[in-house]
């Protein structure tokens, strides 16, 4: 395991992974945050990634807006990230949000995203790739839909899954359709 992880630039730990963040990645992260109006020296922030590949894995935008507003009421900044083709998701959150989070747009390259995750206080998002990236350095809070956190949860940092454990979960055919045939999503 050590040979593979070191070839990937990561360190395998007994409880998970620790990503190696280069100075260039850290500099790119700070530069990108400043470009979008977020300064790390203004205090801690939660990186929110509301997207996921499959619609059934996505928590509704209005729920993310509520979470962002709640964080804002507690004095915690939110920075919202999305990938290519996911701008409508950001627009839907922007429409429902009372507070003014920072939106990272256009999409952030993955190495820069890793640097941003490393300097964030926590991650909030769906069961997605960025959730696994976050777990290599910050507490990750993730909403699970049809997949089980016992099977798909990241290993590493403190991880807090939100999961309703329906009687049909984990859903085997979730990746073949956009809606749940039982109406659960």
C-alpha atoms as a PDB file:
ATOM      1  CA  UNK A   1       0.000   0.000   0.000  1.00  0.00           C
ATOM      2  CA  UNK A   2       2.820   2.418   0.843  1.00  0.00           C
ATOM      3  CA  UNK A   3       4.352   2.160  -2.644  1.00  0.00           C
ATOM      4  CA  UNK A   4       1.058   2.952  -4.381  1.00  0.00           C
ATOM      5  CA  UNK A   5       0.128   5.847  -2.107  1.00  0.00           C
ATOM      6  CA  UNK A   6       3.562   7.468  -2.318  1.00  0.00           C
ATOM      7  CA  UNK A   7       3.430   7.209  -6.127  1.00  0.00           C
ATOM      8  CA  UNK A   8       0.166   9.165  -5.951  1.00  0.00           C
ATOM      9  CA  UNK A   9       1.684  11.807  -3.675  1.00  0.00           C
ATOM     10  CA  UNK A  10      -0.303  10.756  -0.606  1.00  0.00           C
ATOM     11  CA  UNK A  11       0.588   9.234   2.710  1.00  0.00           C
ATOM     12  CA  UNK A  12      -1.422   6.269   3.863  1.00  0.00           C
ATOM     13  CA  UNK A  13      -2.315   6.449   7.527  1.00  0.00           C
ATOM     14  CA  UNK A  14      -3.870   3.701   9.608  1.00  0.00           C
ATOM     15  CA  UNK A  15      -7.165   5.628   9.724  1.00  0.00           C
ATOM     16  CA  UNK A  16      -7.144   7.053   6.202  1.00  0.00           C
ATOM     17  CA  UNK A  17      -5.245   9.328   3.867  1.00  0.00           C
ATOM     18  CA  UNK A  18      -3.252  12.494   4.171  1.00  0.00           C
ATOM     19  CA  UNK A  19      -2.831  14.420   0.942  1.00  0.00           C
ATOM     20  CA  UNK A  20       0.396  16.219   0.207  1.00  0.00           C
ATOM     21  CA  UNK A  21      -0.294  19.859  -0.580  1.00  0.00           C
ATOM     22  CA  UNK A  22       2.478  21.581  -2.474  1.00  0.00           C
ATOM     23  CA  UNK A  23       3.334  25.249  -2.035  1.00  0.00           C
ATOM     24  CA  UNK A  24       2.060  25.831  -5.581  1.00  0.00           C
ATOM     25  CA  UNK A  25      -1.309  24.249  -4.718  1.00  0.00           C
ATOM     26  CA  UNK A  26      -1.591  26.329  -1.562  1.00  0.00           C
ATOM     27  CA  UNK A  27      -0.666  29.525  -3.441  1.00  0.00           C
ATOM     28  CA  UNK A  28      -3.178  28.719  -6.215  1.00  0.00           C
ATOM     29  CA  UNK A  29      -5.878  28.122  -3.590  1.00  0.00           C
ATOM     30  CA  UNK A  30      -5.249  31.457  -1.862  1.00  0.00           C
ATOM     31  CA  UNK A  31      -5.088  33.264  -5.206  1.00  0.00           C
ATOM     32  CA  UNK A  32      -8.366  31.728  -6.371  1.00  0.00           C
ATOM     33  CA  UNK A  33     -10.136  32.516  -3.100  1.00  0.00           C
ATOM     34  CA  UNK A  34      -8.950  36.137  -3.326  1.00  0.00           C
ATOM     35  CA  UNK A  35     -10.087  36.311  -6.963  1.00  0.00           C
ATOM     36  CA  UNK A  36     -13.617  35.335  -5.902  1.00  0.00           C
ATOM     37  CA  UNK A  37     -13.640  37.690  -2.910  1.00  0.00           C
ATOM     38  CA  UNK A  38     -12.713  35.303  -0.086  1.00  0.00           C
ATOM     39  CA  UNK A  39      -9.704  36.020   2.055  1.00  0.00           C
ATOM     40  CA  UNK A  40      -8.566  33.201   4.361  1.00  0.00           C
ATOM     41  CA  UNK A  41      -7.368  35.762   6.894  1.00  0.00           C
ATOM     42  CA  UNK A  42     -11.011  36.859   7.365  1.00  0.00           C
ATOM     43  CA  UNK A  43     -11.571  33.746   9.443  1.00  0.00           C
ATOM     44  CA  UNK A  44     -12.668  30.155   9.057  1.00  0.00           C
ATOM     45  CA  UNK A  45     -14.997  29.028   6.319  1.00  0.00           C
ATOM     46  CA  UNK A  46     -16.888  25.903   5.333  1.00  0.00           C
ATOM     47  CA  UNK A  47     -16.473  24.739   1.757  1.00  0.00           C
ATOM     48  CA  UNK A  48     -19.825  23.616   0.403  1.00  0.00           C
ATOM     49  CA  UNK A  49     -20.062  21.409  -2.669  1.00  0.00           C
ATOM     50  CA  UNK A  50     -23.771  20.895  -3.479  1.00  0.00           C
ATOM     51  CA  UNK A  51     -23.278  18.790  -6.593  1.00  0.00           C
ATOM     52  CA  UNK A  52     -23.013  15.066  -7.265  1.00  0.00           C
ATOM     53  CA  UNK A  53     -22.809  13.091 -10.493  1.00  0.00           C
ATOM     54  CA  UNK A  54     -26.237  11.477 -10.167  1.00  0.00           C
ATOM     55  CA  UNK A  55     -29.384  13.487  -9.338  1.00  0.00           C
ATOM     56  CA  UNK A  56     -30.423  10.993  -6.657  1.00  0.00           C
ATOM     57  CA  UNK A  57     -27.252  11.814  -4.715  1.00  0.00           C
ATOM     58  CA  UNK A  58     -28.049  15.531  -4.566  1.00  0.00           C
ATOM     59  CA  UNK A  59     -29.555  17.211  -1.546  1.00  0.00           C
ATOM     60  CA  UNK A  60     -31.998  19.894  -2.805  1.00  0.00           C
ATOM     61  CA  UNK A  61     -30.544  23.392  -3.409  1.00  0.00           C
ATOM     62  CA  UNK A  62     -33.012  24.945  -0.953  1.00  0.00           C
ATOM     63  CA  UNK A  63     -31.635  22.712   1.812  1.00  0.00           C
ATOM     64  CA  UNK A  64     -28.098  23.877   1.056  1.00  0.00           C
ATOM     65  CA  UNK A  65     -29.384  27.470   1.113  1.00  0.00           C
ATOM     66  CA  UNK A  66     -30.892  26.836   4.573  1.00  0.00           C
ATOM     67  CA  UNK A  67     -27.603  25.358   5.806  1.00  0.00           C
ATOM     68  CA  UNK A  68     -25.651  28.330   4.427  1.00  0.00           C
ATOM     69  CA  UNK A  69     -28.030  30.764   6.125  1.00  0.00           C
ATOM     70  CA  UNK A  70     -27.743  28.868   9.425  1.00  0.00           C
ATOM     71  CA  UNK A  71     -23.939  28.963   9.226  1.00  0.00           C
ATOM     72  CA  UNK A  72     -24.088  32.694   8.472  1.00  0.00           C
ATOM     73  CA  UNK A  73     -26.312  33.286  11.529  1.00  0.00           C
ATOM     74  CA  UNK A  74     -23.615  31.554  13.602  1.00  0.00           C
ATOM     75  CA  UNK A  75     -20.922  33.797  12.100  1.00  0.00           C
ATOM     76  CA  UNK A  76     -19.407  31.102   9.885  1.00  0.00           C
ATOM     77  CA  UNK A  77     -18.578  31.952   6.295  1.00  0.00           C
ATOM     78  CA  UNK A  78     -19.625  29.654   3.445  1.00  0.00           C
ATOM     79  CA  UNK A  79     -17.819  29.248   0.159  1.00  0.00           C
ATOM     80  CA  UNK A  80     -19.809  27.336  -2.456  1.00  0.00           C
ATOM     81  CA  UNK A  81     -18.065  25.329  -5.149  1.00  0.00           C
ATOM     82  CA  UNK A  82     -19.390  23.520  -8.219  1.00  0.00           C
ATOM     83  CA  UNK A  83     -17.950  21.853 -11.278  1.00  0.00           C
ATOM     84  CA  UNK A  84     -18.413  22.212 -15.026  1.00  0.00           C
ATOM     85  CA  UNK A  85     -22.076  22.341 -16.091  1.00  0.00           C
ATOM     86  CA  UNK A  86     -23.294  22.881 -12.511  1.00  0.00           C
ATOM     87  CA  UNK A  87     -23.854  26.641 -12.637  1.00  0.00           C
ATOM     88  CA  UNK A  88     -27.675  26.171 -12.550  1.00  0.00           C
ATOM     89  CA  UNK A  89     -27.229  24.528  -9.152  1.00  0.00           C
ATOM     90  CA  UNK A  90     -25.350  27.588  -7.885  1.00  0.00           C
ATOM     91  CA  UNK A  91     -28.088  29.825  -9.311  1.00  0.00           C
ATOM     92  CA  UNK A  92     -30.769  27.810  -7.495  1.00  0.00           C
ATOM     93  CA  UNK A  93     -28.913  28.171  -4.187  1.00  0.00           C
ATOM     94  CA  UNK A  94     -28.278  31.873  -4.810  1.00  0.00           C
ATOM     95  CA  UNK A  95     -32.014  32.356  -5.425  1.00  0.00           C
ATOM     96  CA  UNK A  96     -32.985  30.714  -2.095  1.00  0.00           C
ATOM     97  CA  UNK A  97     -30.174  32.060   0.115  1.00  0.00           C
ATOM     98  CA  UNK A  98     -30.820  35.039   2.397  1.00  0.00           C
ATOM     99  CA  UNK A  99     -27.125  35.385   3.235  1.00  0.00           C
ATOM    100  CA  UNK A 100     -24.326  36.144   0.796  1.00  0.00           C
ATOM    101  CA  UNK A 101     -21.932  33.201   0.511  1.00  0.00           C
ATOM    102  CA  UNK A 102     -19.006  33.349  -1.860  1.00  0.00           C
ATOM    103  CA  UNK A 103     -19.442  31.346  -5.045  1.00  0.00           C
ATOM    104  CA  UNK A 104     -16.391  29.909  -6.768  1.00  0.00           C
ATOM    105  CA  UNK A 105     -17.078  30.246 -10.471  1.00  0.00           C
ATOM    106  CA  UNK A 106     -15.812  29.301 -13.024  1.00  0.00           C
ATOM    107  CA  UNK A 107     -14.971  25.817 -11.737  1.00  0.00           C
ATOM    108  CA  UNK A 108     -11.816  25.356  -9.704  1.00  0.00           C
ATOM    109  CA  UNK A 109      -9.138  22.925 -10.988  1.00  0.00           C
ATOM    110  CA  UNK A 110      -8.861  19.824  -8.779  1.00  0.00           C
ATOM    111  CA  UNK A 111      -5.377  20.620  -7.465  1.00  0.00           C
ATOM    112  CA  UNK A 112      -6.557  24.103  -6.477  1.00  0.00           C
ATOM    113  CA  UNK A 113      -9.694  22.608  -4.909  1.00  0.00           C
ATOM    114  CA  UNK A 114      -7.481  20.334  -2.811  1.00  0.00           C
ATOM    115  CA  UNK A 115      -5.583  23.411  -1.596  1.00  0.00           C
ATOM    116  CA  UNK A 116      -8.844  25.209  -0.772  1.00  0.00           C
ATOM    117  CA  UNK A 117     -10.127  22.182   1.107  1.00  0.00           C
ATOM    118  CA  UNK A 118      -6.936  22.038   3.145  1.00  0.00           C
ATOM    119  CA  UNK A 119      -7.380  25.617   4.399  1.00  0.00           C
ATOM    120  CA  UNK A 120     -11.129  25.303   5.026  1.00  0.00           C
ATOM    121  CA  UNK A 121     -12.502  24.577   8.495  1.00  0.00           C
ATOM    122  CA  UNK A 122     -14.857  21.866   7.213  1.00  0.00           C
ATOM    123  CA  UNK A 123     -16.600  20.463   4.146  1.00  0.00           C
ATOM    124  CA  UNK A 124     -20.347  20.102   3.615  1.00  0.00           C
ATOM    125  CA  UNK A 125     -21.703  18.322   0.562  1.00  0.00           C
ATOM    126  CA  UNK A 126     -23.192  15.278  -1.034  1.00  0.00           C
ATOM    127  CA  UNK A 127     -21.693  11.847  -1.549  1.00  0.00           C
ATOM    128  CA  UNK A 128     -19.259  12.923  -4.279  1.00  0.00           C
ATOM    129  CA  UNK A 129     -15.625  13.086  -5.327  1.00  0.00           C
ATOM    130  CA  UNK A 130     -14.909  16.324  -3.414  1.00  0.00           C
ATOM    131  CA  UNK A 131     -16.199  14.599  -0.257  1.00  0.00           C
ATOM    132  CA  UNK A 132     -13.381  12.074  -0.583  1.00  0.00           C
ATOM    133  CA  UNK A 133     -10.867  14.841  -1.272  1.00  0.00           C
ATOM    134  CA  UNK A 134     -12.026  16.728   1.831  1.00  0.00           C
ATOM    135  CA  UNK A 135     -11.550  13.671   4.011  1.00  0.00           C
ATOM    136  CA  UNK A 136      -7.809  13.843   3.322  1.00  0.00           C
ATOM    137  CA  UNK A 137      -7.506  16.864   5.567  1.00  0.00           C
ATOM    138  CA  UNK A 138     -10.648  18.451   7.042  1.00  0.00           C
ATOM    139  CA  UNK A 139     -13.801  17.325   8.870  1.00  0.00           C
ATOM    140  CA  UNK A 140     -16.297  16.225   6.211  1.00  0.00           C
ATOM    141  CA  UNK A 141     -20.058  16.396   6.644  1.00  0.00           C
ATOM    142  CA  UNK A 142     -21.874  14.596   3.859  1.00  0.00           C
ATOM    143  CA  UNK A 143     -25.445  13.853   2.876  1.00  0.00           C
ATOM    144  CA  UNK A 144     -25.985  10.325   1.594  1.00  0.00           C
ATOM    145  CA  UNK A 145     -28.942   9.406  -0.573  1.00  0.00           C
ATOM    146  CA  UNK A 146     -29.208   5.990  -2.161  1.00  0.00           C
ATOM    147  CA  UNK A 147     -25.706   4.797  -1.310  1.00  0.00           C
ATOM    148  CA  UNK A 148     -24.643   3.672   2.137  1.00  0.00           C
ATOM    149  CA  UNK A 149     -21.955   5.521   4.100  1.00  0.00           C
ATOM    150  CA  UNK A 150     -20.780   2.135   5.389  1.00  0.00           C
ATOM    151  CA  UNK A 151     -19.857   1.280   1.797  1.00  0.00           C
ATOM    152  CA  UNK A 152     -18.947   4.607   0.236  1.00  0.00           C
ATOM    153  CA  UNK A 153     -17.794   6.851   3.085  1.00  0.00           C
ATOM    154  CA  UNK A 154     -14.291   8.278   2.962  1.00  0.00           C
ATOM    155  CA  UNK A 155     -11.637   7.226   5.392  1.00  0.00           C
ATOM    156  CA  UNK A 156      -9.522   9.874   7.011  1.00  0.00           C
ATOM    157  CA  UNK A 157     -10.514  13.051   8.807  1.00  0.00           C
ATOM    158  CA  UNK A 158     -13.502  13.167  11.097  1.00  0.00           C
ATOM    159  CA  UNK A 159     -16.445  12.210   8.902  1.00  0.00           C
ATOM    160  CA  UNK A 160     -20.098  12.866   9.723  1.00  0.00           C
ATOM    161  CA  UNK A 161     -22.607  11.203   7.377  1.00  0.00           C
ATOM    162  CA  UNK A 162     -26.274  12.136   7.251  1.00  0.00           C
ATOM    163  CA  UNK A 163     -28.162   9.084   6.100  1.00  0.00           C
ATOM    164  CA  UNK A 164     -31.811   8.076   6.431  1.00  0.00           C
ATOM    165  CA  UNK A 165     -31.212   4.317   5.950  1.00  0.00           C
ATOM    166  CA  UNK A 166     -34.421   3.585   4.077  1.00  0.00           C
ATOM    167  CA  UNK A 167     -35.529  -0.048   3.901  1.00  0.00           C
ATOM    168  CA  UNK A 168     -34.378  -0.234   0.261  1.00  0.00           C
ATOM    169  CA  UNK A 169     -30.958   1.287   0.904  1.00  0.00           C
ATOM    170  CA  UNK A 170     -28.411   0.939  -0.381  1.00  0.00           C
ATOM    171  CA  UNK A 171     -30.220   1.231  -3.670  1.00  0.00           C
ATOM    172  CA  UNK A 172     -28.701  -1.035  -6.283  1.00  0.00           C
ATOM    173  CA  UNK A 173     -30.206   0.503  -9.448  1.00  0.00           C
ATOM    174  CA  UNK A 174     -29.865   4.189  -8.394  1.00  0.00           C
ATOM    175  CA  UNK A 175     -27.339   4.948 -11.125  1.00  0.00           C
ATOM    176  CA  UNK A 176     -29.676   3.851 -13.926  1.00  0.00           C
ATOM    177  CA  UNK A 177     -32.460   6.365 -13.457  1.00  0.00           C
ATOM    178  CA  UNK A 178     -33.010   9.980 -12.451  1.00  0.00           C
ATOM    179  CA  UNK A 179     -35.847   9.313 -10.017  1.00  0.00           C
ATOM    180  CA  UNK A 180     -36.520   6.731  -7.359  1.00  0.00           C
ATOM    181  CA  UNK A 181     -39.143   4.210  -8.442  1.00  0.00           C
ATOM    182  CA  UNK A 182     -40.411   4.201  -4.818  1.00  0.00           C
ATOM    183  CA  UNK A 183     -40.622   8.004  -4.608  1.00  0.00           C
ATOM    184  CA  UNK A 184     -38.092   8.382  -1.777  1.00  0.00           C
ATOM    185  CA  UNK A 185     -35.904  11.032  -3.274  1.00  0.00           C
END
